[in-house]
Amino acid sequence: MKILGFNITREAKVAPAIVREAAAPATKSDCKQERGGNFASNAVSIYGQHNALTVSAWYCGLAMKANTFGQLILEYQKKNTTNHGWNYQIYDGKFGRDMNFLTQVRPNPLMNAKWFWTQAAIQREVYGNAVIYIERDNYGEVKALWLCTSAALNIATMDYTITYNMPGVGPTSLIVPSENIIHWRNTYSNDGGLTGISTLTYARQALSLAATNDAQALETSAKGGKYKILIKEEADSNFGLNVLNKDQRESARDSLQEQMDKGLDVVEVNSMMDPKIISQTAQEMSLIENRKWDVPTIARFLNMPLVLLMDYTNNTYKAPEQAMLAFLQNTIAPMKSDVEMEFNSKLVGKEAFPTLRFHFNDKNLMSLDPKGRMEIAKMQLECGIKCVDELRAEFDLPALPKDGDIHLVSTNLQRLDDIKVGSGGTIKTDDDKKKPASNED
């Protein structure tokens, strides 16, 4: 069964389970528009991933989703068990530095980390699967991470046949075990979770509708408006159009249709015809109203709040902030969890877990929100989570010359039975009541 960029089969002895077709330039067959007298035949059908990008809401949503995920920093961490720490820190040492350089700076000679994760997120959404090859040296150490251009899974042996671009060599094909593959699947699968299904498979109808509206708007703009015309037969059989035979009537109708399709402002009409305009599709259909349906539907497929796709219908001043929070929690968080688990299972293993782990640091997502950063820093300081020097380091400021490493805690809260002063003066506790009264009392 073919699902967009992948051929999926259950028969392991015949063909691999996943084969992605090589990317090809968009052709007319990818996005074709049929025209004719039937209005339904003017529909535009989206067939390929390239032409899906012609729909502005899909392009905007896919780019924002992938670029937001690309800002995350994948850290290789080690648990600190000294001094009752039990926290995770970036794994130091040569191996830790090498691994963090691959995940955070340059996974391979062709890509930096941000571009690498952005493209991986796009492949997962568009193709349903993002496949990363873990290249190792002769000692078994990780040498590079390659984003594959095509991949195939043999279900019987669980080996992958992959293709990736190597600098100076070009497309390179290998057969590697699943232990050396990071397979990031899309949400839905039809083979028990072995492979993911492209979002385009389900969103094609919504994208086709949006593309049809775009094509209609373009055609209308070019022609200055398109009319539908009714040619009505008269009641008197010896008058008007009725005196023409069937072939003559069809010829007259086709002549009028051809002139309208050419966009002529002045058309020639047979003297026996009495045409009447019954609709003007450009204005009465209101393409803008149709777009109010298109954009929310595409937003649902991408699991993105509507306001992030620049649709400000019924917007309030807090909507963008709330929408971004919902987007990060409901969309980006599950994506990063999928990648973390795949890296931990393939590069850490149960022997070293949880002492070692891969974890995405999301501090970059708040880097351009000064107010949000300050509120978080204030709460962390008051609760004793971080000291002043730690917070200053996050703002690229030097440490204080003295006492900056002391953890503070707010004293606004205290136990109820420890309250000594109230609105009416001194509040006596049970111990105070047992004491003998003094002369001052």
Protein backbone atom coordinates (compact mmCIF):
# COMPACT_ATOMS: atom_id res chain seq x y z
CA MET A 1 0.00 0.00 0.00
CA LYS A 2 1.41 3.34 -1.03
CA ILE A 3 1.06 6.26 1.36
CA LEU A 4 2.60 9.39 -0.14
CA GLY A 5 6.36 9.03 0.20
CA PHE A 6 6.39 5.49 1.53
CA ASN A 7 5.58 2.02 0.23
CA ILE A 8 4.38 -0.11 3.11
CA THR A 9 4.02 -3.88 3.01
CA ARG A 10 3.69 -6.65 5.57
CA GLU A 11 5.67 -9.19 3.52
CA ALA A 12 9.22 -8.95 4.76
CA LYS A 13 10.62 -11.43 2.20
CA VAL A 14 9.54 -9.40 -0.80
CA ALA A 15 10.15 -5.68 -0.39
CA PRO A 16 11.26 -3.48 2.50
CA ALA A 17 8.53 -2.10 4.65
CA ILE A 18 9.31 1.56 4.07
CA VAL A 19 10.63 3.11 0.89
CA ARG A 20 10.56 6.82 0.41
CA GLU A 21 10.47 8.10 -3.12
CA ALA A 22 13.16 10.52 -4.14
CA ALA A 23 12.05 14.14 -4.03
CA ALA A 24 11.02 15.34 -7.48
CA PRO A 25 10.07 18.77 -8.80
CA ALA A 26 6.39 19.56 -8.69
CA THR A 27 4.54 18.64 -11.89
CA LYS A 28 1.05 19.22 -13.19
CA SER A 29 0.10 15.73 -12.07
CA ASP A 30 0.87 16.70 -8.47
CA CYS A 31 -1.64 19.53 -8.46
CA LYS A 32 -4.03 19.49 -11.40
CA GLN A 33 -7.11 21.52 -12.14
CA GLU A 34 -9.76 20.25 -14.52
CA ARG A 35 -12.02 22.73 -16.25
CA GLY A 36 -15.25 22.45 -18.10
CA GLY A 37 -18.93 23.25 -17.95
CA ASN A 38 -19.39 21.24 -14.75
CA PHE A 39 -18.61 23.42 -11.74
CA ALA A 40 -17.38 20.45 -9.67
CA SER A 41 -14.73 19.69 -12.29
CA ASN A 42 -12.97 22.95 -11.40
CA ALA A 43 -11.76 21.41 -8.13
CA VAL A 44 -8.01 21.38 -7.45
CA SER A 45 -6.58 18.15 -6.00
CA ILE A 46 -3.40 18.12 -3.93
CA TYR A 47 -1.33 15.02 -4.64
CA GLY A 48 2.24 15.82 -3.59
CA GLN A 49 3.99 17.38 -0.61
CA HIS A 50 5.49 20.14 -2.74
CA ASN A 51 2.11 21.45 -3.90
CA ALA A 52 0.67 21.27 -0.40
CA LEU A 53 3.08 24.11 0.40
CA THR A 54 1.19 26.35 -2.04
CA VAL A 55 -1.57 26.55 0.59
CA SER A 56 -0.46 29.42 2.79
CA ALA A 57 -1.94 28.09 6.05
CA TRP A 58 -0.18 24.73 5.60
CA TYR A 59 3.13 26.40 4.72
CA CYS A 60 2.92 28.76 7.70
CA GLY A 61 1.86 26.06 10.18
CA LEU A 62 4.41 23.49 9.04
CA ALA A 63 7.24 26.04 9.11
CA MET A 64 6.30 27.30 12.59
CA LYS A 65 5.92 23.79 14.00
CA ALA A 66 9.27 22.63 12.62
CA ASN A 67 11.18 25.82 13.46
CA THR A 68 9.85 25.83 17.02
CA PHE A 69 10.97 22.25 17.51
CA GLY A 70 14.36 23.11 15.97
CA GLN A 71 15.01 25.59 18.79
CA LEU A 72 15.15 22.81 21.38
CA ILE A 73 18.61 21.73 22.57
CA LEU A 74 19.16 18.00 22.97
CA GLU A 75 21.53 17.51 25.92
CA TYR A 76 23.39 14.35 26.88
CA GLN A 77 23.16 14.39 30.68
CA LYS A 78 24.49 12.47 33.67
CA LYS A 79 22.82 12.24 37.05
CA ASN A 80 24.67 14.02 39.88
CA THR A 81 24.33 11.92 43.05
CA THR A 82 26.81 13.82 45.23
CA ASN A 83 25.75 16.05 48.13
CA HIS A 84 22.14 14.87 47.88
CA GLY A 85 21.94 16.39 44.42
CA TRP A 86 20.12 13.77 42.37
CA ASN A 87 19.86 16.24 39.53
CA TYR A 88 20.97 15.93 35.93
CA GLN A 89 23.86 17.91 34.49
CA ILE A 90 25.46 17.94 31.06
CA TYR A 91 27.72 14.91 30.85
CA ASP A 92 31.32 16.07 31.10
CA GLY A 93 34.33 14.20 29.78
CA LYS A 94 35.46 13.54 26.23
CA PHE A 95 32.63 11.20 25.30
CA GLY A 96 30.03 13.53 26.79
CA ARG A 97 31.48 16.57 25.04
CA ASP A 98 31.63 14.76 21.70
CA MET A 99 28.03 13.60 22.00
CA ASN A 100 26.73 17.02 23.04
CA PHE A 101 28.59 18.63 20.16
CA LEU A 102 26.76 16.30 17.76
CA THR A 103 23.32 16.89 19.25
CA GLN A 104 23.67 20.63 19.91
CA VAL A 105 26.07 22.05 17.31
CA ARG A 106 26.78 19.92 14.22
CA PRO A 107 25.36 16.43 13.85
CA ASN A 108 27.20 15.93 10.55
CA PRO A 109 29.38 17.99 8.18
CA LEU A 110 26.34 19.13 6.16
CA MET A 111 24.02 20.47 8.87
CA ASN A 112 23.98 22.42 12.08
CA ALA A 113 21.79 21.15 14.90
CA LYS A 114 18.97 23.66 14.45
CA TRP A 115 18.58 22.90 10.74
CA PHE A 116 18.90 19.17 11.43
CA TRP A 117 16.02 19.03 13.91
CA THR A 118 13.87 21.38 11.81
CA GLN A 119 14.18 19.14 8.76
CA ALA A 120 13.55 16.03 10.85
CA ALA A 121 10.29 17.55 12.11
CA ILE A 122 9.23 18.37 8.54
CA GLN A 123 9.99 14.83 7.34
CA ARG A 124 7.96 13.35 10.19
CA GLU A 125 4.95 15.51 9.32
CA VAL A 126 5.12 15.25 5.53
CA TYR A 127 6.37 11.68 5.02
CA GLY A 128 5.14 10.20 8.29
CA ASN A 129 8.66 9.07 9.26
CA ALA A 130 11.99 10.76 10.01
CA VAL A 131 14.93 8.35 9.96
CA ILE A 132 18.31 9.26 11.50
CA TYR A 133 21.36 7.08 10.94
CA ILE A 134 23.84 6.79 13.83
CA GLU A 135 27.29 6.49 12.24
CA ARG A 136 29.91 4.88 14.50
CA ASP A 137 33.69 4.63 14.23
CA ASN A 138 35.77 1.46 14.50
CA TYR A 139 35.56 1.61 18.30
CA GLY A 140 31.79 1.84 18.36
CA GLU A 141 31.72 5.52 19.33
CA VAL A 142 29.15 7.77 17.69
CA LYS A 143 30.77 9.68 14.84
CA ALA A 144 27.87 11.50 13.15
CA LEU A 145 24.08 11.68 12.88
CA TRP A 146 22.68 11.61 9.34
CA LEU A 147 19.14 12.51 8.31
CA CYS A 148 18.23 9.90 5.69
CA THR A 149 16.69 10.84 2.35
CA SER A 150 15.10 7.39 2.04
CA ALA A 151 14.71 4.38 4.28
CA ALA A 152 13.35 0.84 4.15
CA LEU A 153 12.56 -1.48 7.03
CA ASN A 154 12.75 -5.26 6.68
CA ILE A 155 10.28 -6.55 9.23
CA ALA A 156 11.81 -10.04 9.37
CA THR A 157 15.35 -8.93 10.23
CA MET A 158 14.53 -5.43 11.57
CA ASP A 159 17.32 -4.03 9.41
CA TYR A 160 17.06 -0.70 7.64
CA THR A 161 18.15 -0.02 4.08
CA ILE A 162 18.94 3.69 4.11
CA THR A 163 20.19 6.38 1.76
CA TYR A 164 21.80 9.62 2.90
CA ASN A 165 23.99 12.30 1.33
CA MET A 166 27.66 12.15 2.22
CA PRO A 167 29.85 15.16 1.34
CA GLY A 168 32.24 14.42 -1.51
CA VAL A 169 30.43 11.17 -2.27
CA GLY A 170 26.76 11.96 -2.81
CA PRO A 171 23.89 9.58 -2.10
CA THR A 172 25.16 6.62 -0.07
CA SER A 173 23.15 3.46 0.61
CA LEU A 174 23.71 1.08 3.54
CA ILE A 175 21.99 -1.75 5.36
CA VAL A 176 22.20 -1.15 9.11
CA PRO A 177 20.62 -2.78 12.19
CA SER A 178 17.78 -1.00 13.97
CA GLU A 179 20.12 -0.25 16.91
CA ASN A 180 21.85 2.33 14.72
CA ILE A 181 18.63 4.01 13.59
CA ILE A 182 16.60 6.72 15.29
CA HIS A 183 13.13 6.23 13.82
CA TRP A 184 10.82 9.15 14.63
CA ARG A 185 7.29 8.16 13.61
CA ASN A 186 4.26 10.34 13.08
CA THR A 187 1.34 10.01 15.48
CA TYR A 188 -0.78 7.51 13.54
CA SER A 189 0.28 4.12 12.19
CA ASN A 190 -1.50 1.27 10.41
CA ASP A 191 1.07 -1.49 11.00
CA GLY A 192 1.25 -1.70 14.77
CA GLY A 193 3.56 1.28 15.24
CA LEU A 194 6.38 0.18 12.93
CA THR A 195 5.86 3.14 10.61
CA GLY A 196 4.01 6.43 10.78
CA ILE A 197 1.46 7.85 8.34
CA SER A 198 1.89 11.24 6.73
CA THR A 199 -0.40 14.00 7.94
CA LEU A 200 -1.00 14.85 4.28
CA THR A 201 -2.87 11.56 3.92
CA TYR A 202 -5.68 12.90 6.08
CA ALA A 203 -5.33 16.62 5.32
CA ARG A 204 -5.49 16.24 1.53
CA GLN A 205 -9.20 17.05 1.32
CA ALA A 206 -8.85 20.24 3.37
CA LEU A 207 -5.79 21.31 1.38
CA SER A 208 -7.55 20.59 -1.90
CA LEU A 209 -10.49 22.74 -0.84
CA ALA A 210 -8.17 25.59 0.10
CA ALA A 211 -6.27 25.24 -3.19
CA THR A 212 -9.58 25.25 -5.10
CA ASN A 213 -10.54 28.53 -3.44
CA ASP A 214 -7.12 29.96 -4.32
CA ALA A 215 -7.52 28.89 -7.96
CA GLN A 216 -11.02 30.35 -8.10
CA ALA A 217 -9.78 33.63 -6.63
CA LEU A 218 -6.92 33.76 -9.13
CA GLU A 219 -9.23 33.04 -12.04
CA THR A 220 -11.72 35.61 -10.85
CA SER A 221 -9.03 38.23 -10.40
CA ALA A 222 -7.69 37.61 -13.89
CA LYS A 223 -11.11 37.79 -15.53
CA GLY A 224 -12.57 40.51 -13.37
CA GLY A 225 -15.47 38.27 -12.35
CA LYS A 226 -17.14 35.20 -13.83
CA TYR A 227 -20.84 35.00 -14.46
CA LYS A 228 -23.32 32.16 -14.76
CA ILE A 229 -25.93 32.69 -17.43
CA LEU A 230 -29.40 31.20 -17.85
CA ILE A 231 -30.85 30.86 -21.36
CA LYS A 232 -34.54 30.19 -20.90
CA GLU A 233 -36.90 28.70 -23.45
CA GLU A 234 -40.06 30.67 -24.11
CA ALA A 235 -43.56 29.31 -23.65
CA ASP A 236 -44.40 30.00 -27.30
CA SER A 237 -42.82 27.25 -29.43
CA ASN A 238 -42.54 29.63 -32.37
CA PHE A 239 -40.65 32.33 -30.55
CA GLY A 240 -37.06 32.89 -29.45
CA LEU A 241 -34.80 29.94 -28.71
CA ASN A 242 -37.52 27.40 -29.45
CA VAL A 243 -37.22 27.90 -33.21
CA LEU A 244 -33.67 26.46 -33.09
CA ASN A 245 -33.04 22.74 -33.15
CA LYS A 246 -30.97 20.94 -30.51
CA ASP A 247 -27.67 21.21 -32.38
CA GLN A 248 -28.16 24.91 -33.01
CA ARG A 249 -28.97 25.58 -29.38
CA GLU A 250 -25.89 23.67 -28.19
CA SER A 251 -23.71 25.51 -30.69
CA ALA A 252 -25.02 28.88 -29.48
CA ARG A 253 -24.52 27.89 -25.86
CA ASP A 254 -20.97 26.65 -26.50
CA SER A 255 -20.12 29.86 -28.34
CA LEU A 256 -21.28 31.93 -25.39
CA GLN A 257 -19.38 29.70 -22.91
CA GLU A 258 -16.20 30.01 -24.95
CA GLN A 259 -16.40 33.80 -25.01
CA MET A 260 -16.99 33.91 -21.25
CA ASP A 261 -14.04 31.57 -20.59
CA LYS A 262 -11.79 33.91 -22.55
CA GLY A 263 -12.73 36.72 -20.20
CA LEU A 264 -14.16 38.97 -22.90
CA ASP A 265 -15.93 42.07 -21.68
CA VAL A 266 -18.13 42.23 -24.79
CA VAL A 267 -19.71 39.00 -26.01
CA GLU A 268 -21.74 38.17 -29.10
CA VAL A 269 -25.19 36.72 -28.49
CA ASN A 270 -27.60 35.22 -31.02
CA SER A 271 -30.62 37.47 -31.56
CA MET A 272 -32.96 34.67 -30.58
CA MET A 273 -31.26 34.14 -27.24
CA ASP A 274 -32.37 36.07 -24.18
CA PRO A 275 -29.58 35.38 -21.64
CA LYS A 276 -30.05 36.34 -17.98
CA ILE A 277 -27.31 36.52 -15.30
CA ILE A 278 -28.30 34.32 -12.36
CA SER A 279 -25.12 34.52 -10.28
CA GLN A 280 -21.67 36.07 -10.06
CA THR A 281 -19.55 33.45 -8.35
CA ALA A 282 -16.67 35.72 -7.35
CA GLN A 283 -18.79 37.97 -5.17
CA GLU A 284 -21.74 35.85 -4.07
CA MET A 285 -19.67 32.82 -3.05
CA SER A 286 -17.49 35.09 -0.87
CA LEU A 287 -14.15 33.31 -0.97
CA ILE A 288 -13.12 35.05 2.22
CA GLU A 289 -15.92 33.27 4.07
CA ASN A 290 -14.72 29.95 2.67
CA ARG A 291 -11.25 30.63 4.02
CA LYS A 292 -12.72 30.85 7.51
CA TRP A 293 -13.36 27.14 7.16
CA ASP A 294 -10.08 26.26 5.43
CA VAL A 295 -7.65 27.70 7.98
CA PRO A 296 -9.21 26.19 11.15
CA THR A 297 -9.30 22.75 9.52
CA ILE A 298 -5.62 22.91 8.56
CA ALA A 299 -4.82 24.15 12.07
CA ARG A 300 -6.50 21.05 13.49
CA PHE A 301 -4.44 18.72 11.33
CA LEU A 302 -1.23 20.44 12.45
CA ASN A 303 -2.45 20.56 16.08
CA MET A 304 -1.83 24.29 16.25
CA PRO A 305 -3.91 27.09 17.81
CA LEU A 306 -5.70 29.14 15.17
CA VAL A 307 -4.20 32.45 16.25
CA LEU A 308 -0.67 31.16 15.50
CA LEU A 309 -1.70 30.81 11.85
CA MET A 310 -2.44 34.54 11.85
CA ASP A 311 -6.20 34.12 12.04
CA TYR A 312 -7.29 36.73 14.57
CA THR A 313 -11.04 36.05 14.45
CA ASN A 314 -12.57 36.61 17.91
CA ASN A 315 -9.10 37.35 19.21
CA THR A 316 -8.43 38.82 22.66
CA TYR A 317 -5.30 40.44 24.01
CA LYS A 318 -4.36 37.26 25.89
CA ALA A 319 -5.06 34.85 23.03
CA PRO A 320 -1.52 34.76 21.53
CA GLU A 321 0.10 34.12 24.92
CA GLN A 322 -2.38 31.38 25.83
CA ALA A 323 -2.17 29.90 22.34
CA MET A 324 1.60 29.67 22.46
CA LEU A 325 1.46 27.95 25.87
CA ALA A 326 -1.09 25.44 24.56
CA PHE A 327 1.02 24.89 21.45
CA LEU A 328 4.15 24.16 23.48
CA GLN A 329 2.35 21.84 25.92
CA ASN A 330 0.11 19.92 23.51
CA THR A 331 2.22 19.82 20.33
CA ILE A 332 5.93 20.45 20.95
CA ALA A 333 6.15 18.58 24.29
CA PRO A 334 4.90 15.24 22.87
CA MET A 335 7.25 15.60 19.89
CA LYS A 336 10.30 16.14 22.08
CA SER A 337 9.30 13.25 24.35
CA ASP A 338 9.21 10.90 21.33
CA VAL A 339 12.75 11.84 20.31
CA GLU A 340 14.10 11.64 23.87
CA MET A 341 12.76 8.12 24.32
CA GLU A 342 14.14 6.97 20.99
CA PHE A 343 17.62 8.33 21.78
CA ASN A 344 17.56 6.87 25.29
CA SER A 345 16.58 3.44 24.02
CA LYS A 346 19.18 3.39 21.22
CA LEU A 347 22.17 5.28 22.69
CA VAL A 348 21.79 4.78 26.46
CA GLY A 349 20.14 1.44 27.03
CA LYS A 350 18.72 -0.06 30.21
CA GLU A 351 22.16 -0.67 31.76
CA ALA A 352 23.06 3.02 31.95
CA PHE A 353 19.56 4.44 32.35
CA PRO A 354 18.65 6.49 34.40
CA THR A 355 22.21 7.47 35.28
CA LEU A 356 22.60 8.78 31.72
CA ARG A 357 19.90 10.27 29.56
CA PHE A 358 19.14 12.49 26.57
CA HIS A 359 16.92 15.42 27.39
CA PHE A 360 15.72 18.44 25.41
CA ASN A 361 16.42 21.81 27.03
CA ASP A 362 13.66 24.26 26.11
CA LYS A 363 15.22 27.48 27.40
CA ASN A 364 15.48 28.88 23.86
CA LEU A 365 11.70 28.95 23.57
CA MET A 366 11.55 31.67 26.25
CA SER A 367 14.63 33.61 25.13
CA LEU A 368 12.63 36.32 23.31
CA ASP A 369 10.04 36.76 26.07
CA PRO A 370 11.71 39.09 28.62
CA LYS A 371 8.64 39.36 30.83
CA GLY A 372 8.13 35.62 30.96
CA ARG A 373 11.81 34.99 31.72
CA MET A 374 11.79 37.49 34.56
CA GLU A 375 8.65 35.99 36.12
CA ILE A 376 10.14 32.50 36.01
CA ALA A 377 13.47 33.73 37.41
CA LYS A 378 11.66 35.53 40.25
CA MET A 379 9.74 32.41 41.25
CA GLN A 380 12.87 30.24 41.07
CA LEU A 381 14.75 32.68 43.30
CA GLU A 382 11.97 33.02 45.89
CA CYS A 383 11.46 29.25 46.11
CA GLY A 384 15.17 28.55 46.47
CA ILE A 385 15.33 26.56 43.24
CA LYS A 386 18.22 28.65 41.90
CA CYS A 387 20.65 31.10 43.47
CA VAL A 388 21.38 34.60 42.20
CA ASP A 389 24.54 33.58 40.33
CA GLU A 390 22.72 30.76 38.49
CA LEU A 391 20.02 33.14 37.34
CA ARG A 392 22.54 35.80 36.33
CA ALA A 393 24.35 33.22 34.23
CA GLU A 394 21.12 32.55 32.30
CA PHE A 395 21.01 36.25 31.43
CA ASP A 396 24.71 36.21 30.41
CA LEU A 397 25.70 38.32 33.42
CA PRO A 398 28.80 37.77 35.61
CA ALA A 399 28.50 36.30 39.08
CA LEU A 400 28.28 38.56 42.11
CA PRO A 401 31.56 39.16 43.98
CA LYS A 402 30.05 37.86 47.23
CA ASP A 403 27.16 35.65 48.42
CA GLY A 404 25.77 35.11 44.94
CA ASP A 405 25.82 31.33 45.41
CA ILE A 406 23.57 31.37 48.49
CA HIS A 407 20.11 29.96 47.94
CA LEU A 408 17.33 32.16 49.28
CA VAL A 409 13.74 31.48 50.19
CA SER A 410 10.83 33.84 50.72
CA THR A 411 9.67 34.22 54.34
CA ASN A 412 6.16 35.38 53.51
CA LEU A 413 4.79 31.99 54.55
CA GLN A 414 5.03 30.41 58.01
CA ARG A 415 3.23 27.85 60.15
CA LEU A 416 -0.14 28.93 61.53
CA ASP A 417 0.76 27.96 65.12
CA ASP A 418 3.91 30.08 64.92
CA ILE A 419 2.02 33.36 64.41
CA LYS A 420 2.86 35.77 67.27
CA VAL A 421 1.39 39.07 66.16
CA GLY A 422 -2.11 39.65 64.88
CA SER A 423 -4.47 42.53 64.29
CA GLY A 424 -5.36 42.77 67.96
CA GLY A 425 -1.88 42.61 69.36
CA THR A 426 -0.06 39.56 70.79
CA ILE A 427 -1.68 36.20 70.15
CA LYS A 428 -1.01 33.77 72.97
CA THR A 429 -0.26 30.17 72.17
CA ASP A 430 -1.09 27.22 74.45
CA ASP A 431 2.37 27.42 76.05
CA ASP A 432 1.86 31.08 76.86
CA LYS A 433 -1.45 30.36 78.56
CA LYS A 434 0.21 27.88 80.96
CA LYS A 435 2.76 30.45 82.16
CA PRO A 436 1.94 32.33 85.41
CA ALA A 437 0.87 35.89 84.92
CA SER A 438 3.48 38.51 85.65
CA ASN A 439 2.97 41.85 87.27
CA GLU A 440 3.21 43.49 83.88
CA ASP A 441 0.21 41.47 82.70
